[in-house]
Amino acid sequence: MTTDPSLSACAILTVDLGAVVANWTQLRDRVAPAECSAVVKADAYGLGVARVVPALAAAGCRTFVVAQFEEALAVRRALEPVAPDAQAEVQVFSLGGLPPGHEADFPANRILPVLNHLGEIAAWRAFAAARGEVLPAVIHIDTGMNRLGLGPDELDALAGHLEWLEGIDVRYWMTHLACADEFDNPMTGEQLERFRAALARLPKAKASFANSSGIFHGKDHHFDLARPGCALYGVNPTPHLSNPMRDTIRLDARLLQVRNCAVPMTVGYGAAHKVTGPARIATIGVGYADGYLRALGGRGHVFVDGVAAPIVGRISMDLITIDVTSLPESAAHAGRVVELIGPSRPVDRVAAEGGTIGYEILTSLGRRYHRVYQSE
């Protein structure tokens, strides 16, 4: 006997692959004639790299960007069902640099290392020389983020010793924006000036500058390759304006139980919520183990039959409690499906209620949800 997991699961996460593709297509058209890649790190921002990558590849995406080498391998595995010509054309960047002793793994798996400091450049040059080959790489220039990339001193040293690049086919010079989503922050313009100044001192190669928000700063920010991430998955890249992207996920859950509470009573761990009058409290089988952040306790809302119901008490590992006192019993009963993330509560709104950003909501999506993938 088999059980339909959509019936036994406490919650269903619906991923709209068609919306992901539509978001990428919109960004592709905006940056043309530059190329538009897709950042698919952290399991495609929680949506599932095994399903997102083939959908984007089928739509024409030919460059994928991840943070770690193992993620790059997952992208290559996801591309295996794709037509051989597309697989051969696709390039995969690994932003996390060159793990010592693993140089050979990159060409073996057709993965481009992003070299972040002079030590990695030297290691890649030595590896190329030992093989008697010229090997491709991306080189990261730090223009103000102060995390990864060649800092000013290393940039000066490299510009004075261009022979250090012998044996390296620099596919792209890249940098990463710190404040692109703050459209009145002058730092993006400062980073643009620093990047242009750096490129003027280095051998000519393609360049990559704009992230999701950077794309919306205009054509002079696009260079040769844009690297959108969050915007592909429905997070607003222009927080000062309405969201130009389509929502890509919906999270629905069933009410497990509805109970009447009289005064004086409390709800949940720490007796954090005190019932001040006759109330009806409903319990949902989702918690912080599912990525529904504990910070949403006492602050967030879910939608029941189109009506907002506040989360009351603390969010625990497996359960959420909501106040459905204002709803008729016919609308809030055990088995009723309610919306946790979706058209009434998009990712950015959930994030705002939790005091965080849409990135964290997406990348925290749990493994216990029954996942449904839709495409147009």
Protein backbone atom coordinates (compact mmCIF):
# COMPACT_ATOMS: atom_id res chain seq x y z
CA MET A 1 0.00 0.00 0.00
CA THR A 2 1.38 3.42 -0.97
CA THR A 3 0.54 6.72 0.63
CA ASP A 4 0.27 9.94 -1.33
CA PRO A 5 2.89 12.18 0.36
CA SER A 6 0.85 15.25 -0.47
CA LEU A 7 -1.86 13.88 1.80
CA SER A 8 0.40 12.80 4.68
CA ALA A 9 2.74 15.81 4.72
CA CYS A 10 2.07 18.59 7.20
CA ALA A 11 3.03 21.18 4.61
CA ILE A 12 3.42 21.47 0.85
CA LEU A 13 6.03 23.67 -0.81
CA THR A 14 5.13 24.52 -4.39
CA VAL A 15 8.00 25.75 -6.58
CA ASP A 16 7.03 27.52 -9.79
CA LEU A 17 9.85 26.76 -12.22
CA GLY A 18 8.03 28.72 -14.89
CA ALA A 19 8.28 31.82 -12.70
CA VAL A 20 12.01 31.24 -12.12
CA VAL A 21 12.55 31.00 -15.87
CA ALA A 22 10.39 34.08 -16.49
CA ASN A 23 12.45 36.05 -13.96
CA TRP A 24 15.70 34.99 -15.62
CA THR A 25 14.31 35.85 -19.06
CA GLN A 26 13.30 39.31 -17.88
CA LEU A 27 16.79 39.92 -16.48
CA ARG A 28 18.44 38.47 -19.59
CA ASP A 29 16.53 40.92 -21.77
CA ARG A 30 17.36 43.81 -19.44
CA VAL A 31 21.13 43.21 -19.56
CA ALA A 32 21.39 42.34 -23.28
CA PRO A 33 23.75 42.38 -25.10
CA ALA A 34 25.60 41.32 -21.95
CA GLU A 35 25.17 37.72 -20.87
CA CYS A 36 22.93 36.84 -17.94
CA SER A 37 24.09 34.02 -15.69
CA ALA A 38 22.20 32.40 -12.81
CA VAL A 39 23.48 32.21 -9.26
CA VAL A 40 22.32 28.82 -7.96
CA LYS A 41 24.35 28.50 -4.76
CA ALA A 42 22.76 27.13 -1.58
CA ASP A 43 20.72 24.60 -3.58
CA ALA A 44 19.35 27.31 -5.87
CA TYR A 45 18.47 29.47 -2.87
CA GLY A 46 16.57 26.58 -1.33
CA LEU A 47 14.39 25.79 -4.36
CA GLY A 48 16.38 22.76 -5.51
CA VAL A 49 19.33 22.91 -7.89
CA ALA A 50 18.42 19.57 -9.48
CA ARG A 51 15.19 21.08 -10.83
CA VAL A 52 16.12 24.75 -11.25
CA VAL A 53 19.31 24.28 -13.28
CA PRO A 54 17.79 22.11 -16.05
CA ALA A 55 14.86 24.52 -16.37
CA LEU A 56 17.19 27.51 -16.76
CA ALA A 57 19.52 25.62 -19.12
CA ALA A 58 16.54 24.70 -21.31
CA ALA A 59 15.66 28.41 -21.41
CA GLY A 60 19.14 29.28 -22.64
CA CYS A 61 21.17 30.03 -19.52
CA ARG A 62 24.78 29.04 -20.14
CA THR A 63 26.60 30.26 -17.02
CA PHE A 64 25.87 29.12 -13.48
CA VAL A 65 27.50 30.48 -10.33
CA VAL A 66 27.88 28.71 -6.98
CA ALA A 67 29.80 29.30 -3.76
CA GLN A 68 31.50 25.93 -3.20
CA PHE A 69 33.10 23.22 -5.30
CA GLU A 70 30.62 20.53 -4.20
CA GLU A 71 27.80 22.81 -5.34
CA ALA A 72 29.48 23.10 -8.74
CA LEU A 73 29.52 19.30 -9.01
CA ALA A 74 25.79 19.30 -8.20
CA VAL A 75 25.21 21.72 -11.08
CA ARG A 76 27.11 19.45 -13.46
CA ARG A 77 25.03 16.48 -12.29
CA ALA A 78 21.84 18.47 -12.80
CA LEU A 79 22.93 19.25 -16.36
CA GLU A 80 23.42 15.59 -17.31
CA PRO A 81 19.87 15.23 -18.76
CA VAL A 82 20.38 18.38 -20.83
CA ALA A 83 21.31 18.04 -24.50
CA PRO A 84 25.05 17.39 -24.94
CA ASP A 85 25.62 20.60 -26.93
CA ALA A 86 24.13 22.69 -24.12
CA GLN A 87 26.14 20.78 -21.50
CA ALA A 88 29.36 21.47 -23.38
CA GLU A 89 28.57 25.19 -23.68
CA VAL A 90 27.75 25.69 -20.00
CA GLN A 91 30.33 27.22 -17.69
CA VAL A 92 30.15 26.88 -13.91
CA PHE A 93 31.90 29.32 -11.56
CA SER A 94 32.93 28.31 -8.04
CA LEU A 95 33.26 31.53 -6.02
CA GLY A 96 34.96 29.95 -3.02
CA GLY A 97 38.39 29.79 -4.58
CA LEU A 98 40.90 27.02 -5.10
CA PRO A 99 41.02 24.39 -2.32
CA PRO A 100 44.68 23.34 -1.85
CA GLY A 101 45.45 20.02 -3.48
CA HIS A 102 42.24 19.97 -5.53
CA GLU A 103 43.44 21.87 -8.58
CA ALA A 104 42.97 18.87 -10.89
CA ASP A 105 39.31 18.52 -9.90
CA PHE A 106 38.41 21.76 -11.66
CA PRO A 107 39.36 20.94 -15.25
CA ALA A 108 38.28 17.33 -14.73
CA ASN A 109 34.74 18.53 -14.02
CA ARG A 110 34.73 21.62 -16.27
CA ILE A 111 34.48 24.00 -13.34
CA LEU A 112 36.01 27.48 -13.37
CA PRO A 113 37.76 28.46 -10.15
CA VAL A 114 37.33 32.01 -8.99
CA LEU A 115 40.79 33.01 -7.77
CA ASN A 116 40.55 35.35 -4.80
CA HIS A 117 44.14 36.13 -3.81
CA LEU A 118 47.69 36.02 -5.12
CA GLY A 119 48.34 32.67 -3.46
CA GLU A 120 45.56 31.07 -5.51
CA ILE A 121 46.79 32.75 -8.68
CA ALA A 122 50.28 31.33 -8.03
CA ALA A 123 48.88 27.85 -7.34
CA TRP A 124 46.79 27.88 -10.53
CA ARG A 125 49.73 29.15 -12.58
CA ALA A 126 51.97 26.40 -11.18
CA PHE A 127 49.34 23.74 -11.86
CA ALA A 128 48.92 24.95 -15.44
CA ALA A 129 52.68 24.93 -15.96
CA ALA A 130 52.96 21.38 -14.61
CA ARG A 131 50.34 20.27 -17.14
CA GLY A 132 51.86 22.29 -19.94
CA GLU A 133 48.49 23.95 -20.55
CA VAL A 134 46.79 27.32 -20.38
CA LEU A 135 43.90 26.91 -17.94
CA PRO A 136 40.81 29.12 -17.56
CA ALA A 137 39.86 30.95 -14.38
CA VAL A 138 37.93 33.94 -13.09
CA ILE A 139 39.81 36.48 -10.97
CA HIS A 140 38.01 38.39 -8.24
CA ILE A 141 38.95 42.01 -7.52
CA ASP A 142 37.79 43.43 -4.20
CA THR A 143 36.37 46.93 -4.72
CA GLY A 144 35.09 47.52 -1.20
CA MET A 145 33.34 44.45 0.19
CA ASN A 146 36.49 43.38 2.06
CA ARG A 147 35.69 39.68 2.08
CA LEU A 148 37.12 37.87 -0.94
CA GLY A 149 39.15 39.13 -3.87
CA LEU A 150 42.41 40.93 -4.56
CA GLY A 151 42.75 43.87 -2.19
CA PRO A 152 44.45 47.12 -3.24
CA ASP A 153 47.96 45.94 -2.33
CA GLU A 154 47.55 42.63 -4.17
CA LEU A 155 46.07 44.43 -7.18
CA ASP A 156 49.06 46.77 -7.27
CA ALA A 157 51.43 43.80 -7.09
CA LEU A 158 49.64 41.93 -9.88
CA ALA A 159 49.48 45.00 -12.13
CA GLY A 160 53.24 45.31 -11.69
CA HIS A 161 53.90 41.64 -12.43
CA LEU A 162 51.57 40.60 -15.21
CA GLU A 163 53.83 37.63 -15.87
CA TRP A 164 52.13 36.08 -12.83
CA LEU A 165 49.17 35.47 -15.15
CA GLU A 166 51.17 33.32 -17.59
CA GLY A 167 49.38 30.04 -18.15
CA ILE A 168 46.06 31.47 -16.96
CA ASP A 169 43.25 32.20 -19.41
CA VAL A 170 41.40 34.95 -17.54
CA ARG A 171 37.83 34.42 -18.65
CA TYR A 172 36.44 37.22 -16.46
CA TRP A 173 37.53 39.84 -14.01
CA MET A 174 34.77 40.14 -11.41
CA THR A 175 33.85 42.04 -8.30
CA HIS A 176 30.95 41.93 -5.86
CA LEU A 177 28.66 44.79 -4.84
CA ALA A 178 28.13 45.67 -1.19
CA CYS A 179 25.15 48.05 -1.24
CA ALA A 180 23.47 47.68 -4.63
CA ASP A 181 20.00 47.26 -3.08
CA GLU A 182 20.36 50.68 -1.42
CA PHE A 183 19.82 52.82 -4.47
CA ASP A 184 20.71 56.08 -2.74
CA ASN A 185 23.98 54.69 -1.36
CA PRO A 186 27.00 56.17 -3.18
CA MET A 187 29.11 53.06 -2.60
CA THR A 188 27.90 51.32 -5.76
CA GLY A 189 29.19 54.22 -7.85
CA GLU A 190 32.47 54.16 -5.92
CA GLN A 191 32.86 50.44 -6.58
CA LEU A 192 32.14 51.00 -10.26
CA GLU A 193 34.93 53.59 -10.46
CA ARG A 194 37.38 51.30 -8.63
CA PHE A 195 36.51 48.38 -10.90
CA ARG A 196 37.01 50.42 -14.05
CA ALA A 197 40.34 51.71 -12.72
CA ALA A 198 41.46 48.15 -11.95
CA LEU A 199 40.48 46.88 -15.41
CA ALA A 200 42.51 49.65 -17.03
CA ARG A 201 45.66 48.23 -15.35
CA LEU A 202 45.07 44.60 -16.23
CA PRO A 203 45.07 42.48 -19.39
CA LYS A 204 41.88 42.79 -21.39
CA ALA A 205 39.23 40.19 -20.59
CA LYS A 206 35.50 40.07 -20.04
CA ALA A 207 34.17 41.59 -16.84
CA SER A 208 31.34 40.81 -14.41
CA PHE A 209 29.99 43.45 -12.03
CA ALA A 210 26.23 43.46 -11.44
CA ASN A 211 24.27 41.28 -9.05
CA SER A 212 20.44 41.26 -8.94
CA SER A 213 20.10 44.84 -7.72
CA GLY A 214 23.12 46.01 -9.69
CA ILE A 215 21.31 45.12 -12.91
CA PHE A 216 18.72 47.81 -12.15
CA HIS A 217 21.38 50.53 -11.80
CA GLY A 218 21.66 50.78 -15.59
CA LYS A 219 23.60 49.63 -18.62
CA ASP A 220 26.94 51.00 -17.45
CA HIS A 221 26.82 48.46 -14.61
CA HIS A 222 26.21 45.41 -16.82
CA PHE A 223 29.66 44.91 -18.42
CA ASP A 224 29.86 41.46 -20.08
CA LEU A 225 28.18 39.19 -17.55
CA ALA A 226 25.52 39.86 -14.92
CA ARG A 227 25.15 37.51 -11.94
CA PRO A 228 21.58 37.68 -10.58
CA GLY A 229 20.68 35.50 -7.64
CA CYS A 230 17.84 36.52 -5.34
CA ALA A 231 15.79 38.17 -8.10
CA LEU A 232 15.53 34.84 -9.92
CA TYR A 233 13.66 33.46 -6.94
CA GLY A 234 11.25 36.35 -6.42
CA VAL A 235 13.06 38.54 -3.88
CA ASN A 236 12.65 42.22 -4.74
CA PRO A 237 15.92 43.59 -6.20
CA THR A 238 14.51 47.14 -6.05
CA PRO A 239 13.24 47.54 -2.47
CA HIS A 240 12.47 51.22 -3.06
CA LEU A 241 9.97 50.20 -5.78
CA SER A 242 7.33 47.54 -6.27
CA ASN A 243 8.76 44.10 -6.98
CA PRO A 244 9.35 43.57 -10.71
CA MET A 245 9.90 39.83 -10.25
CA ARG A 246 7.38 37.00 -10.09
CA ASP A 247 6.85 35.02 -6.90
CA THR A 248 8.34 31.55 -7.23
CA ILE A 249 7.19 29.64 -4.16
CA ARG A 250 4.09 28.94 -2.14
CA LEU A 251 4.08 27.24 1.25
CA ASP A 252 0.77 25.79 2.47
CA ALA A 253 0.18 23.82 5.65
CA ARG A 254 -2.72 22.02 7.30
CA LEU A 255 -4.24 22.93 10.63
CA LEU A 256 -3.62 19.96 12.91
CA GLN A 257 -5.96 21.01 15.69
CA VAL A 258 -8.18 23.90 16.77
CA ARG A 259 -9.00 24.38 20.43
CA ASN A 260 -11.01 26.79 22.53
CA CYS A 261 -9.08 28.62 25.25
CA ALA A 262 -10.58 30.42 28.20
CA VAL A 263 -9.03 32.95 30.55
CA PRO A 264 -6.58 32.51 32.24
CA MET A 265 -4.54 30.36 29.86
CA THR A 266 -1.22 30.58 28.07
CA VAL A 267 0.02 29.20 24.78
CA GLY A 268 3.29 27.46 23.96
CA TYR A 269 6.77 27.34 25.42
CA GLY A 270 7.58 29.82 28.12
CA ALA A 271 3.88 30.62 28.42
CA ALA A 272 4.85 33.43 26.06
CA HIS A 273 1.31 34.21 24.90
CA LYS A 274 -1.38 34.97 27.45
CA VAL A 275 -4.99 34.56 26.44
CA THR A 276 -6.87 37.71 27.48
CA GLY A 277 -10.33 36.61 26.44
CA PRO A 278 -12.16 33.62 24.98
CA ALA A 279 -10.03 32.51 22.04
CA ARG A 280 -9.64 29.80 19.42
CA ILE A 281 -6.06 28.67 18.89
CA ALA A 282 -5.04 26.57 15.87
CA THR A 283 -1.85 24.53 15.57
CA ILE A 284 0.16 24.05 12.36
CA GLY A 285 2.73 21.29 11.85
CA VAL A 286 5.61 23.53 10.76
CA GLY A 287 8.40 24.94 12.92
CA TYR A 288 11.92 26.23 12.92
CA ALA A 289 13.21 22.78 11.94
CA ASP A 290 11.41 23.48 8.65
CA GLY A 291 13.05 26.86 8.25
CA TYR A 292 10.08 28.81 9.55
CA LEU A 293 12.10 31.20 11.65
CA ARG A 294 11.63 31.32 15.43
CA ALA A 295 11.80 35.12 15.17
CA LEU A 296 8.33 35.10 13.56
CA GLY A 297 6.75 34.03 16.85
CA GLY A 298 4.39 36.74 18.08
CA ARG A 299 5.17 38.84 14.99
CA GLY A 300 4.20 36.94 11.86
CA HIS A 301 0.89 36.06 10.23
CA VAL A 302 -0.55 33.29 8.13
CA PHE A 303 -3.60 33.53 5.90
CA VAL A 304 -6.68 31.43 6.51
CA ASP A 305 -9.39 31.68 3.88
CA GLY A 306 -7.89 35.00 2.79
CA VAL A 307 -7.86 36.46 6.31
CA ALA A 308 -4.66 37.23 8.23
CA ALA A 309 -4.31 35.22 11.44
CA PRO A 310 -1.53 36.25 13.85
CA ILE A 311 1.09 33.81 15.06
CA VAL A 312 0.86 33.68 18.84
CA GLY A 313 3.37 32.25 21.27
CA ARG A 314 6.75 30.91 20.35
CA ILE A 315 7.47 28.98 17.19
CA SER A 316 8.83 25.62 18.25
CA MET A 317 10.79 22.98 16.36
CA ASP A 318 7.72 21.40 14.76
CA LEU A 319 4.69 23.57 15.54
CA ILE A 320 3.20 27.04 15.14
CA THR A 321 0.13 28.34 16.95
CA ILE A 322 -2.15 30.97 15.43
CA ASP A 323 -5.15 32.87 16.74
CA VAL A 324 -8.25 32.14 14.64
CA THR A 325 -10.76 33.68 17.04
CA SER A 326 -12.00 36.12 14.40
CA LEU A 327 -12.70 33.40 11.84
CA PRO A 328 -15.85 31.29 11.67
CA GLU A 329 -15.44 27.63 12.60
CA SER A 330 -16.19 26.69 8.99
CA ALA A 331 -13.04 28.55 7.89
CA ALA A 332 -10.66 27.31 10.59
CA HIS A 333 -10.88 23.63 11.42
CA ALA A 334 -8.56 20.63 11.59
CA GLY A 335 -7.43 19.70 8.09
CA ARG A 336 -7.92 23.18 6.67
CA VAL A 337 -5.02 24.34 4.43
CA VAL A 338 -3.57 27.76 5.26
CA GLU A 339 -1.02 29.93 3.47
CA LEU A 340 2.32 30.56 5.16
CA ILE A 341 4.11 32.01 2.12
CA GLY A 342 2.38 32.90 -1.11
CA PRO A 343 0.34 35.56 -2.90
CA SER A 344 -1.02 37.01 0.36
CA ARG A 345 2.35 36.81 2.13
CA PRO A 346 5.27 36.93 -0.33
CA VAL A 347 8.77 36.07 0.79
CA ASP A 348 9.83 39.67 1.39
CA ARG A 349 6.85 40.31 3.68
CA VAL A 350 7.53 37.18 5.70
CA ALA A 351 11.15 38.26 5.99
CA ALA A 352 10.19 41.74 7.17
CA GLU A 353 7.98 40.28 9.90
CA GLY A 354 10.88 38.08 11.00
CA GLY A 355 13.37 40.93 11.00
CA THR A 356 15.46 39.42 8.23
CA ILE A 357 15.75 39.28 4.43
CA GLY A 358 14.14 37.15 1.75
CA TYR A 359 17.44 35.34 1.13
CA GLU A 360 17.34 33.80 4.61
CA ILE A 361 13.71 32.71 4.28
CA LEU A 362 14.40 30.96 0.97
CA THR A 363 17.66 29.29 1.95
CA SER A 364 16.11 28.04 5.20
CA LEU A 365 13.28 26.16 3.49
CA GLY A 366 13.05 22.80 5.18
CA ARG A 367 13.55 19.24 3.98
CA ARG A 368 10.32 17.91 5.49
CA TYR A 369 7.99 19.70 3.11
CA HIS A 370 6.38 17.75 0.33
CA ARG A 371 7.68 19.57 -2.73
CA VAL A 372 5.68 20.10 -5.89
CA TYR A 373 7.37 21.54 -8.99
CA GLN A 374 5.32 23.36 -11.58
CA SER A 375 6.35 24.70 -14.96
CA GLU A 376 4.44 26.71 -17.50
